Every structure is written in structure tokens, then in C-alpha cells.
Amino acid sequence: MMYKYEIIFYWRDEDLAFVAEVPELFGCMARCDAREAALRHVNRSRLTPRARSAIQYPNPRASV
């Protein structure tokens, strides 16, 4: 089963980059030049086999 988690996007002036964070998944974030790239990276990071085997994903707080 694939859960849907909230993803928060913001711009960091210090890095001149977009940041995508998944608050419910500790440490799941990506920083890239383009918003779309940040989304791809954050989605890929939570789907990798290593991440799946090391982390028990919590149920999302609310349906998105």
C-alpha cells in the first residue's frame, strides 16, 4: 500500500534552492534548483529499498 504524505516546499535564499520536506518522515527532504526536481528527489528517497527496509513508515495524519 502506498501512503500519501504532505510535502512542504519553500525557497532557501542561503542555498538559492527549492527545498521539499516530508514532515512526517524524519529526515526526508531534498534541496534542488527546480521545484519539480526537489519533488522527484524527495519521492525517490522515500521509495528506495534501503529506506523501506530501515524505516517503518507511519500512517499519514490525514488523507491528501
PDB file of N, CA and C in Angstrom:
ATOM      1  N   MET A   1       0.843  -1.180   0.000  1.00  0.00           N
ATOM      2  CA  MET A   1       0.000   0.000   0.000  1.00  0.00           C
ATOM      3  C   MET A   1       0.891   1.247   0.000  1.00  0.00           C
ATOM      4  N   MET A   2       0.539   2.210  -0.824  1.00  0.00           N
ATOM      5  CA  MET A   2       1.300   3.451  -0.915  1.00  0.00           C
ATOM      6  C   MET A   2       0.532   4.558  -0.202  1.00  0.00           C
ATOM      7  N   TYR A   3       1.162   5.146   0.786  1.00  0.00           N
ATOM      8  CA  TYR A   3       0.539   6.245   1.517  1.00  0.00           C
ATOM      9  C   TYR A   3       0.870   7.570   0.865  1.00  0.00           C
ATOM     10  N   LYS A   4       0.015   8.551   1.092  1.00  0.00           N
ATOM     11  CA  LYS A   4       0.259   9.915   0.607  1.00  0.00           C
ATOM     12  C   LYS A   4       0.613  10.784   1.810  1.00  0.00           C
ATOM     13  N   TYR A   5       1.765  11.420   1.741  1.00  0.00           N
ATOM     14  CA  TYR A   5       2.234  12.283   2.809  1.00  0.00           C
ATOM     15  C   TYR A   5       2.283  13.728   2.332  1.00  0.00           C
ATOM     16  N   GLU A   6       2.116  14.622   3.269  1.00  0.00           N
ATOM     17  CA  GLU A   6       2.208  16.050   2.969  1.00  0.00           C
ATOM     18  C   GLU A   6       3.657  16.386   2.624  1.00  0.00           C
ATOM     19  N   ILE A   7       3.840  17.169   1.563  1.00  0.00           N
ATOM     20  CA  ILE A   7       5.168  17.655   1.178  1.00  0.00           C
ATOM     21  C   ILE A   7       5.122  19.171   1.218  1.00  0.00           C
ATOM     22  N   ILE A   8       6.059  19.762   1.931  1.00  0.00           N
ATOM     23  CA  ILE A   8       6.130  21.220   2.068  1.00  0.00           C
ATOM     24  C   ILE A   8       7.290  21.717   1.214  1.00  0.00           C
ATOM     25  N   PHE A   9       7.006  22.707   0.368  1.00  0.00           N
ATOM     26  CA  PHE A   9       8.019  23.323  -0.485  1.00  0.00           C
ATOM     27  C   PHE A   9       8.318  24.731   0.008  1.00  0.00           C
ATOM     28  N   TYR A  10       9.575  25.118  -0.055  1.00  0.00           N
ATOM     29  CA  TYR A  10       9.943  26.509   0.217  1.00  0.00           C
ATOM     30  C   TYR A  10      11.276  26.817  -0.455  1.00  0.00           C
ATOM     31  N   TRP A  11      11.553  28.091  -0.596  1.00  0.00           N
ATOM     32  CA  TRP A  11      12.779  28.583  -1.217  1.00  0.00           C
ATOM     33  C   TRP A  11      13.750  28.992  -0.120  1.00  0.00           C
ATOM     34  N   ARG A  12      14.996  28.556  -0.213  1.00  0.00           N
ATOM     35  CA  ARG A  12      16.032  28.968   0.738  1.00  0.00           C
ATOM     36  C   ARG A  12      16.987  29.919   0.040  1.00  0.00           C
ATOM     37  N   ASP A  13      16.970  31.178   0.474  1.00  0.00           N
ATOM     38  CA  ASP A  13      17.871  32.175  -0.099  1.00  0.00           C
ATOM     39  C   ASP A  13      19.337  31.812   0.137  1.00  0.00           C
ATOM     40  N   GLU A  14      19.628  31.215   1.297  1.00  0.00           N
ATOM     41  CA  GLU A  14      21.012  30.859   1.626  1.00  0.00           C
ATOM     42  C   GLU A  14      21.600  29.877   0.618  1.00  0.00           C
ATOM     43  N   ASP A  15      20.784  28.953   0.136  1.00  0.00           N
ATOM     44  CA  ASP A  15      21.246  27.927  -0.802  1.00  0.00           C
ATOM     45  C   ASP A  15      20.871  28.220  -2.249  1.00  0.00           C
ATOM     46  N   LEU A  16      20.021  29.228  -2.442  1.00  0.00           N
ATOM     47  CA  LEU A  16      19.465  29.512  -3.768  1.00  0.00           C
ATOM     48  C   LEU A  16      18.849  28.254  -4.361  1.00  0.00           C
ATOM     49  N   ALA A  17      18.005  27.597  -3.542  1.00  0.00           N
ATOM     50  CA  ALA A  17      17.425  26.319  -3.953  1.00  0.00           C
ATOM     51  C   ALA A  17      16.037  26.135  -3.361  1.00  0.00           C
ATOM     52  N   PHE A  18      15.258  25.294  -4.037  1.00  0.00           N
ATOM     53  CA  PHE A  18      13.961  24.868  -3.504  1.00  0.00           C
ATOM     54  C   PHE A  18      14.203  23.701  -2.556  1.00  0.00           C
ATOM     55  N   VAL A  19      13.434  23.660  -1.487  1.00  0.00           N
ATOM     56  CA  VAL A  19      13.507  22.560  -0.534  1.00  0.00           C
ATOM     57  C   VAL A  19      12.143  21.893  -0.488  1.00  0.00           C
ATOM     58  N   ALA A  20      12.133  20.582  -0.503  1.00  0.00           N
ATOM     59  CA  ALA A  20      10.913  19.791  -0.334  1.00  0.00           C
ATOM     60  C   ALA A  20      11.113  18.937   0.910  1.00  0.00           C
ATOM     61  N   GLU A  21      10.176  19.029   1.865  1.00  0.00           N
ATOM     62  CA  GLU A  21      10.268  18.255   3.104  1.00  0.00           C
ATOM     63  C   GLU A  21       9.008  17.450   3.326  1.00  0.00           C
ATOM     64  N   VAL A  22       9.170  16.279   3.905  1.00  0.00           N
ATOM     65  CA  VAL A  22       8.041  15.452   4.331  1.00  0.00           C
ATOM     66  C   VAL A  22       8.110  15.423   5.860  1.00  0.00           C
ATOM     67  N   PRO A  23       7.345  16.296   6.539  1.00  0.00           N
ATOM     68  CA  PRO A  23       7.463  16.438   7.996  1.00  0.00           C
ATOM     69  C   PRO A  23       7.205  15.140   8.766  1.00  0.00           C
ATOM     70  N   GLU A  24       6.355  14.281   8.264  1.00  0.00           N
ATOM     71  CA  GLU A  24       6.018  13.048   8.977  1.00  0.00           C
ATOM     72  C   GLU A  24       7.105  11.981   8.874  1.00  0.00           C
ATOM     73  N   LEU A  25       8.037  12.155   7.942  1.00  0.00           N
ATOM     74  CA  LEU A  25       9.127  11.196   7.765  1.00  0.00           C
ATOM     75  C   LEU A  25      10.443  11.902   8.100  1.00  0.00           C
ATOM     76  N   PHE A  26      10.905  11.715   9.316  1.00  0.00           N
ATOM     77  CA  PHE A  26      12.083  12.406   9.817  1.00  0.00           C
ATOM     78  C   PHE A  26      13.251  12.298   8.840  1.00  0.00           C
ATOM     79  N   GLY A  27      13.811  13.441   8.466  1.00  0.00           N
ATOM     80  CA  GLY A  27      14.978  13.481   7.604  1.00  0.00           C
ATOM     81  C   GLY A  27      14.692  13.335   6.119  1.00  0.00           C
ATOM     82  N   CYS A  28      13.434  13.208   5.743  1.00  0.00           N
ATOM     83  CA  CYS A  28      13.098  13.061   4.326  1.00  0.00           C
ATOM     84  C   CYS A  28      12.944  14.449   3.717  1.00  0.00           C
ATOM     85  N   MET A  29      13.963  14.874   2.996  1.00  0.00           N
ATOM     86  CA  MET A  29      13.941  16.189   2.358  1.00  0.00           C
ATOM     87  C   MET A  29      14.883  16.193   1.168  1.00  0.00           C
ATOM     88  N   ALA A  30      14.668  17.158   0.286  1.00  0.00           N
ATOM     89  CA  ALA A  30      15.531  17.314  -0.882  1.00  0.00           C
ATOM     90  C   ALA A  30      15.704  18.798  -1.168  1.00  0.00           C
ATOM     91  N   ARG A  31      16.876  19.154  -1.673  1.00  0.00           N
ATOM     92  CA  ARG A  31      17.178  20.552  -1.997  1.00  0.00           C
ATOM     93  C   ARG A  31      17.701  20.573  -3.431  1.00  0.00           C
ATOM     94  N   CYS A  32      17.011  21.319  -4.328  1.00  0.00           N
ATOM     95  CA  CYS A  32      17.367  21.335  -5.752  1.00  0.00           C
ATOM     96  C   CYS A  32      17.114  22.717  -6.358  1.00  0.00           C
ATOM     97  N   ASP A  33      17.643  22.911  -7.570  1.00  0.00           N
ATOM     98  CA  ASP A  33      17.456  24.178  -8.280  1.00  0.00           C
ATOM     99  C   ASP A  33      16.021  24.385  -8.747  1.00  0.00           C
ATOM    100  N   ALA A  34      15.315  23.307  -9.038  1.00  0.00           N
ATOM    101  CA  ALA A  34      13.943  23.406  -9.546  1.00  0.00           C
ATOM    102  C   ALA A  34      12.987  22.691  -8.591  1.00  0.00           C
ATOM    103  N   ARG A  35      11.790  23.238  -8.465  1.00  0.00           N
ATOM    104  CA  ARG A  35      10.778  22.663  -7.580  1.00  0.00           C
ATOM    105  C   ARG A  35      10.445  21.226  -7.994  1.00  0.00           C
ATOM    106  N   GLU A  36      10.310  20.992  -9.294  1.00  0.00           N
ATOM    107  CA  GLU A  36       9.973  19.663  -9.800  1.00  0.00           C
ATOM    108  C   GLU A  36      11.072  18.650  -9.462  1.00  0.00           C
ATOM    109  N   ALA A  37      12.324  19.075  -9.550  1.00  0.00           N
ATOM    110  CA  ALA A  37      13.444  18.191  -9.222  1.00  0.00           C
ATOM    111  C   ALA A  37      13.434  17.843  -7.735  1.00  0.00           C
ATOM    112  N   ALA A  38      13.137  18.819  -6.892  1.00  0.00           N
ATOM    113  CA  ALA A  38      13.054  18.559  -5.451  1.00  0.00           C
ATOM    114  C   ALA A  38      11.953  17.545  -5.161  1.00  0.00           C
ATOM    115  N   LEU A  39      10.824  17.668  -5.834  1.00  0.00           N
ATOM    116  CA  LEU A  39       9.725  16.716  -5.656  1.00  0.00           C
ATOM    117  C   LEU A  39      10.157  15.317  -6.086  1.00  0.00           C
ATOM    118  N   ARG A  40      10.808  15.197  -7.247  1.00  0.00           N
ATOM    119  CA  ARG A  40      11.279  13.888  -7.717  1.00  0.00           C
ATOM    120  C   ARG A  40      12.237  13.247  -6.715  1.00  0.00           C
ATOM    121  N   HIS A  41      13.172  14.044  -6.211  1.00  0.00           N
ATOM    122  CA  HIS A  41      14.179  13.522  -5.287  1.00  0.00           C
ATOM    123  C   HIS A  41      13.571  13.097  -3.960  1.00  0.00           C
ATOM    124  N   VAL A  42      12.657  13.880  -3.422  1.00  0.00           N
ATOM    125  CA  VAL A  42      12.054  13.520  -2.137  1.00  0.00           C
ATOM    126  C   VAL A  42      11.180  12.278  -2.302  1.00  0.00           C
ATOM    127  N   ASN A  43      10.486  12.151  -3.411  1.00  0.00           N
ATOM    128  CA  ASN A  43       9.685  10.944  -3.650  1.00  0.00           C
ATOM    129  C   ASN A  43      10.586   9.726  -3.827  1.00  0.00           C
ATOM    130  N   ARG A  44      11.663   9.876  -4.548  1.00  0.00           N
ATOM    131  CA  ARG A  44      12.600   8.769  -4.776  1.00  0.00           C
ATOM    132  C   ARG A  44      13.254   8.345  -3.459  1.00  0.00           C
ATOM    133  N   SER A  45      13.596   9.298  -2.613  1.00  0.00           N
ATOM    134  CA  SER A  45      14.298   8.964  -1.370  1.00  0.00           C
ATOM    135  C   SER A  45      13.430   8.138  -0.435  1.00  0.00           C
ATOM    136  N   ARG A  46      12.126   8.368  -0.445  1.00  0.00           N
ATOM    137  CA  ARG A  46      11.284   7.584   0.464  1.00  0.00           C
ATOM    138  C   ARG A  46      10.850   6.265  -0.148  1.00  0.00           C
ATOM    139  N   LEU A  47      11.222   6.020  -1.395  1.00  0.00           N
ATOM    140  CA  LEU A  47      10.846   4.780  -2.064  1.00  0.00           C
ATOM    141  C   LEU A  47      12.002   3.819  -2.269  1.00  0.00           C
ATOM    142  N   THR A  48      13.212   4.216  -1.910  1.00  0.00           N
ATOM    143  CA  THR A  48      14.367   3.354  -2.149  1.00  0.00           C
ATOM    144  C   THR A  48      14.304   2.116  -1.257  1.00  0.00           C
ATOM    145  N   PRO A  49      14.799   0.976  -1.732  1.00  0.00           N
ATOM    146  CA  PRO A  49      14.777  -0.245  -0.920  1.00  0.00           C
ATOM    147  C   PRO A  49      15.468  -0.077   0.427  1.00  0.00           C
ATOM    148  N   ARG A  50      16.575   0.667   0.450  1.00  0.00           N
ATOM    149  CA  ARG A  50      17.280   0.873   1.712  1.00  0.00           C
ATOM    150  C   ARG A  50      16.406   1.611   2.708  1.00  0.00           C
ATOM    151  N   ALA A  51      15.736   2.650   2.250  1.00  0.00           N
ATOM    152  CA  ALA A  51      14.863   3.414   3.132  1.00  0.00           C
ATOM    153  C   ALA A  51      13.691   2.564   3.607  1.00  0.00           C
ATOM    154  N   ARG A  52      13.109   1.773   2.701  1.00  0.00           N
ATOM    155  CA  ARG A  52      11.965   0.931   3.080  1.00  0.00           C
ATOM    156  C   ARG A  52      12.357  -0.089   4.132  1.00  0.00           C
ATOM    157  N   SER A  53      13.547  -0.679   4.008  1.00  0.00           N
ATOM    158  CA  SER A  53      13.942  -1.713   4.958  1.00  0.00           C
ATOM    159  C   SER A  53      14.381  -1.132   6.299  1.00  0.00           C
ATOM    160  N   ALA A  54      14.853   0.101   6.316  1.00  0.00           N
ATOM    161  CA  ALA A  54      15.374   0.697   7.542  1.00  0.00           C
ATOM    162  C   ALA A  54      14.312   1.450   8.336  1.00  0.00           C
ATOM    163  N   ILE A  55      13.220   1.813   7.701  1.00  0.00           N
ATOM    164  CA  ILE A  55      12.241   2.688   8.343  1.00  0.00           C
ATOM    165  C   ILE A  55      10.865   2.050   8.326  1.00  0.00           C
ATOM    166  N   GLN A  56      10.190   2.123   9.440  1.00  0.00           N
ATOM    167  CA  GLN A  56       8.773   1.775   9.496  1.00  0.00           C
ATOM    168  C   GLN A  56       8.004   3.067   9.248  1.00  0.00           C
ATOM    169  N   TYR A  57       7.367   3.181   8.098  1.00  0.00           N
ATOM    170  CA  TYR A  57       6.645   4.401   7.773  1.00  0.00           C
ATOM    171  C   TYR A  57       5.375   4.521   8.596  1.00  0.00           C
ATOM    172  N   PRO A  58       5.150   5.677   9.215  1.00  0.00           N
ATOM    173  CA  PRO A  58       3.905   5.873   9.962  1.00  0.00           C
ATOM    174  C   PRO A  58       2.752   6.102   9.001  1.00  0.00           C
ATOM    175  N   ASN A  59       1.555   5.866   9.470  1.00  0.00           N
ATOM    176  CA  ASN A  59       0.381   6.201   8.678  1.00  0.00           C
ATOM    177  C   ASN A  59       0.301   7.717   8.581  1.00  0.00           C
ATOM    178  N   PRO A  60      -0.112   8.241   7.433  1.00  0.00           N
ATOM    179  CA  PRO A  60      -0.257   9.693   7.295  1.00  0.00           C
ATOM    180  C   PRO A  60      -1.277  10.226   8.292  1.00  0.00           C
ATOM    181  N   ARG A  61      -1.091  11.482   8.695  1.00  0.00           N
ATOM    182  CA  ARG A  61      -2.023  12.118   9.625  1.00  0.00           C
ATOM    183  C   ARG A  61      -3.389  12.277   9.025  1.00  0.00           C
ATOM    184  N   ALA A  62      -3.432  12.671   7.774  1.00  0.00           N
ATOM    185  CA  ALA A  62      -4.714  12.884   7.101  1.00  0.00           C
ATOM    186  C   ALA A  62      -4.561  12.535   5.631  1.00  0.00           C
ATOM    187  N   SER A  63      -5.642  12.173   5.008  1.00  0.00           N
ATOM    188  CA  SER A  63      -5.604  11.884   3.580  1.00  0.00           C
ATOM    189  C   SER A  63      -5.386  13.164   2.810  1.00  0.00           C
ATOM    190  N   VAL A  64      -4.552  13.075   1.777  1.00  0.00           N
ATOM    191  CA  VAL A  64      -4.245  14.246   0.949  1.00  0.00           C
ATOM    192  C   VAL A  64      -4.998  14.134  -0.340  1.00  0.00           C
TER     193      VAL A  64
END
